[in-house]
Amino acid sequence: MAVIRSLLFAATFYSATVLWVLAGVVASLFGRRPTLAVVLSWVGVHHWLTRNLLGIQTKVEGAIPAGHHLIAVKHEAMYETLEMVRITNLPVIVIKKELSDIPLFGFLTRRYGVIPVERTAGAKALRNLVAEGEKAVATGRPVMIFPEGTRVRAGEQPEIKPGFAALYRALGLPVVPVAMNSGRLWGRGLVHRPGTVTFKVGDTIPPGLKRDEIERRVHGAINALASGAEASA
């Protein structure tokens, strides 16, 4: 049954995505607000399909504070990249540059508001990350980043990437750590299993900490929260 549901989800969601991308490109001609509305409706479609076709429910423990924040998210599956857009109300997202280069989809991501990072570009990538982050803050929206750099398997705890501390220092924003247990239901393969994905919002970490301390606190927070999310599922 999980295989059938997953195939139906993939066929429905990715077909719908093509239509939503085209609608978003057209909407972008009329400004940022219509673009955000299209993206939010696309995220809503994803939420509906995961709940009703895959049987995956979302549970949020805690709340994202209002105002400007740098939201540091544990990344185990594609699931949270879209659910977090819904939960945090349209943040600017740090993404890998390859996604922003996809024809049409990449154009729409840029119109929505992303910070593309070329992970092999070294110091140049860090400078671009900081510059784009400063522009993002000027929009009044929160900034969301996956500080471990990429998606990991449930239970893995890689080190925080240097770009996180650079962005943290440059923006001067408090950090809200978030973890979830999505990896146990939504692995790297096609088949997704039903269950509950728990998002746990940690205590806000203040700005102005030194690199070693902010990396230690964020790494500890998102991984401790991830362990807690597994236990509460």
Protein backbone atom coordinates (compact mmCIF):
# COMPACT_ATOMS: atom_id res chain seq x y z
CA MET A 1 0.00 0.00 0.00
CA ALA A 2 2.84 2.41 0.82
CA VAL A 3 4.32 1.81 -2.64
CA ILE A 4 1.01 2.53 -4.36
CA ARG A 5 0.42 5.66 -2.30
CA SER A 6 3.95 6.89 -2.96
CA LEU A 7 3.63 6.38 -6.71
CA LEU A 8 0.30 8.19 -6.75
CA PHE A 9 1.78 11.03 -4.70
CA ALA A 10 4.77 11.40 -7.03
CA ALA A 11 2.61 11.40 -10.15
CA THR A 12 0.17 13.93 -8.70
CA PHE A 13 2.58 16.27 -6.91
CA TYR A 14 5.19 16.59 -9.65
CA SER A 15 2.55 17.03 -12.35
CA ALA A 16 0.92 19.74 -10.23
CA THR A 17 4.33 21.33 -9.66
CA VAL A 18 4.75 21.91 -13.38
CA LEU A 19 1.44 23.77 -13.47
CA TRP A 20 2.24 25.77 -10.33
CA VAL A 21 5.67 26.76 -11.67
CA LEU A 22 4.09 28.06 -14.86
CA ALA A 23 1.49 29.95 -12.82
CA GLY A 24 4.23 31.34 -10.62
CA VAL A 25 6.25 32.59 -13.57
CA VAL A 26 3.20 34.45 -14.84
CA ALA A 27 2.40 35.76 -11.35
CA SER A 28 5.95 37.05 -10.97
CA LEU A 29 5.27 39.54 -13.75
CA PHE A 30 2.89 41.30 -11.36
CA GLY A 31 5.27 41.55 -8.40
CA ARG A 32 6.45 39.73 -5.29
CA ARG A 33 3.09 39.40 -3.53
CA PRO A 34 1.36 37.35 -6.28
CA THR A 35 4.49 35.19 -6.53
CA LEU A 36 4.43 34.45 -2.80
CA ALA A 37 0.73 33.63 -3.01
CA VAL A 38 1.38 31.03 -5.72
CA VAL A 39 4.24 29.48 -3.76
CA LEU A 40 2.15 29.30 -0.60
CA SER A 41 -0.67 27.59 -2.50
CA TRP A 42 1.83 25.09 -3.97
CA VAL A 43 3.11 24.33 -0.47
CA GLY A 44 -0.51 23.89 0.60
CA VAL A 45 -1.04 21.33 -2.16
CA HIS A 46 2.03 19.42 -0.97
CA HIS A 47 0.72 19.46 2.60
CA TRP A 48 -2.71 18.19 1.52
CA LEU A 49 -1.25 15.40 -0.63
CA THR A 50 1.19 14.20 2.02
CA ARG A 51 -1.59 14.12 4.60
CA ASN A 52 -4.27 12.52 2.45
CA LEU A 53 -2.30 10.31 0.07
CA LEU A 54 0.73 9.35 2.14
CA GLY A 55 -0.88 9.50 5.57
CA ILE A 56 1.86 11.77 6.97
CA GLN A 57 0.72 14.18 9.66
CA THR A 58 2.61 17.23 10.91
CA LYS A 59 2.95 17.98 14.62
CA VAL A 60 4.65 21.20 15.78
CA GLU A 61 5.98 21.48 19.32
CA GLY A 62 6.79 25.08 20.19
CA ALA A 63 6.40 28.12 17.95
CA ILE A 64 8.59 30.20 15.68
CA PRO A 65 8.87 33.65 17.30
CA ALA A 66 7.64 36.68 15.42
CA GLY A 67 10.16 39.08 13.90
CA HIS A 68 13.52 38.73 12.20
CA HIS A 69 15.28 35.45 12.91
CA LEU A 70 17.78 33.09 11.37
CA ILE A 71 16.01 29.73 11.43
CA ALA A 72 18.45 26.79 11.62
CA VAL A 73 16.80 23.56 10.51
CA LYS A 74 17.89 19.94 10.69
CA HIS A 75 17.48 18.46 7.21
CA GLU A 76 16.51 14.81 6.76
CA ALA A 77 14.05 14.90 3.83
CA MET A 78 12.44 17.02 1.15
CA TYR A 79 9.36 17.05 3.35
CA GLU A 80 10.54 19.79 5.70
CA THR A 81 11.81 22.07 2.93
CA LEU A 82 8.17 22.69 1.98
CA GLU A 83 6.51 22.24 5.36
CA MET A 84 8.82 24.85 6.89
CA VAL A 85 7.73 27.37 4.27
CA ARG A 86 4.18 26.87 5.52
CA ILE A 87 5.06 26.80 9.23
CA THR A 88 7.36 29.85 9.16
CA ASN A 89 5.27 31.91 6.73
CA LEU A 90 7.40 32.29 3.61
CA PRO A 91 11.02 32.66 4.76
CA VAL A 92 13.92 33.46 2.46
CA ILE A 93 15.71 30.12 2.05
CA VAL A 94 19.39 29.28 1.63
CA ILE A 95 19.52 26.62 -1.10
CA LYS A 96 22.15 24.95 -3.23
CA LYS A 97 22.76 26.82 -6.47
CA GLU A 98 21.86 23.82 -8.63
CA LEU A 99 18.20 24.22 -7.65
CA SER A 100 18.13 27.89 -8.61
CA ASP A 101 19.59 26.99 -12.03
CA ILE A 102 16.73 24.65 -13.01
CA PRO A 103 14.85 26.19 -15.96
CA LEU A 104 11.65 28.00 -14.89
CA PHE A 105 11.71 26.47 -11.40
CA GLY A 106 14.97 28.24 -10.66
CA PHE A 107 13.59 31.50 -11.99
CA LEU A 108 10.59 31.15 -9.69
CA THR A 109 12.76 30.40 -6.65
CA ARG A 110 14.70 33.60 -7.24
CA ARG A 111 11.52 35.60 -7.59
CA TYR A 112 10.22 34.02 -4.40
CA GLY A 113 13.39 34.87 -2.49
CA VAL A 114 16.28 32.47 -2.01
CA ILE A 115 19.99 32.67 -1.29
CA PRO A 116 21.71 30.30 -3.74
CA VAL A 117 25.02 28.85 -2.56
CA GLU A 118 27.63 27.27 -4.81
CA ARG A 119 29.12 24.82 -2.36
CA THR A 120 32.39 24.33 -4.27
CA ALA A 121 33.16 28.05 -4.64
CA GLY A 122 34.96 28.48 -1.30
CA ALA A 123 35.53 32.03 -0.07
CA LYS A 124 33.60 33.51 -2.99
CA ALA A 125 30.54 31.48 -2.00
CA LEU A 126 30.77 32.80 1.57
CA ARG A 127 30.94 36.39 0.36
CA ASN A 128 27.92 35.87 -1.88
CA LEU A 129 26.05 34.17 0.96
CA VAL A 130 26.61 37.15 3.25
CA ALA A 131 25.70 39.71 0.58
CA GLU A 132 22.50 37.91 -0.37
CA GLY A 133 21.64 37.39 3.30
CA GLU A 134 21.85 41.13 3.96
CA LYS A 135 19.46 41.75 1.07
CA ALA A 136 17.09 39.13 2.49
CA VAL A 137 16.96 40.79 5.90
CA ALA A 138 15.99 44.06 4.22
CA THR A 139 12.77 42.39 3.00
CA GLY A 140 11.60 41.87 6.59
CA ARG A 141 11.29 38.10 6.17
CA PRO A 142 13.04 35.46 8.30
CA VAL A 143 15.97 33.59 6.76
CA MET A 144 16.02 29.79 6.84
CA ILE A 145 19.20 27.74 6.53
CA PHE A 146 20.17 24.09 6.86
CA PRO A 147 23.39 24.59 8.87
CA GLU A 148 24.72 21.07 8.30
CA GLY A 149 24.75 21.90 4.60
CA THR A 150 22.71 19.11 3.08
CA ARG A 151 20.18 16.40 3.75
CA VAL A 152 21.36 13.67 6.13
CA ARG A 153 20.03 10.30 7.19
CA ALA A 154 18.12 10.02 10.45
CA GLY A 155 20.60 9.88 13.32
CA GLU A 156 23.54 11.40 11.42
CA GLN A 157 25.16 14.47 13.02
CA PRO A 158 27.61 16.12 10.60
CA GLU A 159 29.51 19.26 11.55
CA ILE A 160 28.04 22.72 10.96
CA LYS A 161 29.23 24.22 7.66
CA PRO A 162 31.30 27.45 7.80
CA GLY A 163 28.67 29.40 5.87
CA PHE A 164 26.28 29.27 8.80
CA ALA A 165 28.56 31.16 11.20
CA ALA A 166 29.44 33.67 8.46
CA LEU A 167 25.76 34.39 7.84
CA TYR A 168 25.02 34.52 11.58
CA ARG A 169 27.75 37.11 12.18
CA ALA A 170 26.84 39.22 9.16
CA LEU A 171 23.11 39.38 9.82
CA GLY A 172 23.25 39.81 13.59
CA LEU A 173 20.01 37.90 14.05
CA PRO A 174 18.94 35.56 16.86
CA VAL A 175 18.81 31.90 15.85
CA VAL A 176 15.80 29.61 16.20
CA PRO A 177 16.85 25.91 15.99
CA VAL A 178 14.34 23.45 14.57
CA ALA A 179 14.52 19.66 14.29
CA MET A 180 12.22 16.95 13.08
CA ASN A 181 12.01 13.19 12.61
CA SER A 182 11.11 13.16 8.92
CA GLY A 183 13.93 10.83 7.88
CA ARG A 184 12.32 7.74 9.40
CA LEU A 185 9.24 8.16 7.16
CA TRP A 186 10.67 9.96 4.12
CA GLY A 187 13.97 8.40 3.13
CA ARG A 188 16.00 8.89 -0.03
CA GLY A 189 14.02 6.35 -2.01
CA LEU A 190 10.63 6.60 -3.66
CA VAL A 191 8.56 4.94 -0.94
CA HIS A 192 7.31 7.09 1.95
CA ARG A 193 5.63 5.60 5.00
CA PRO A 194 2.65 6.97 6.95
CA GLY A 195 3.09 8.40 10.42
CA THR A 196 3.66 11.68 12.22
CA VAL A 197 6.54 14.06 11.57
CA THR A 198 7.22 16.08 14.71
CA PHE A 199 8.80 19.53 14.38
CA LYS A 200 10.42 20.69 17.62
CA VAL A 201 11.27 24.39 17.97
CA GLY A 202 14.14 25.05 20.36
CA ASP A 203 14.98 28.02 22.55
CA THR A 204 16.13 31.12 20.70
CA ILE A 205 19.91 31.62 20.67
CA PRO A 206 21.03 35.26 20.89
CA PRO A 207 23.16 37.06 18.29
CA GLY A 208 26.76 38.09 18.83
CA LEU A 209 28.29 34.79 19.93
CA LYS A 210 31.71 33.68 18.75
CA ARG A 211 31.94 31.16 15.94
CA ASP A 212 32.90 28.18 18.09
CA GLU A 213 30.10 28.85 20.55
CA ILE A 214 27.30 29.43 18.03
CA GLU A 215 28.30 26.33 16.07
CA ARG A 216 28.45 24.26 19.24
CA ARG A 217 25.09 25.49 20.50
CA VAL A 218 23.29 25.12 17.18
CA HIS A 219 24.79 21.70 16.49
CA GLY A 220 23.87 20.51 19.96
CA ALA A 221 20.39 22.01 19.80
CA ILE A 222 19.26 20.66 16.44
CA ASN A 223 20.65 17.22 17.14
CA ALA A 224 19.31 17.03 20.68
CA LEU A 225 15.95 18.13 19.36
CA ALA A 226 16.14 15.56 16.59
CA SER A 227 16.73 12.83 19.18
CA GLY A 228 13.76 14.12 21.13
CA ALA A 229 11.60 14.15 18.03
CA GLU A 230 12.46 10.51 17.36
CA ALA A 231 11.52 9.57 20.89
CA SER A 232 8.17 11.40 20.77
CA ALA A 233 7.07 10.01 17.39
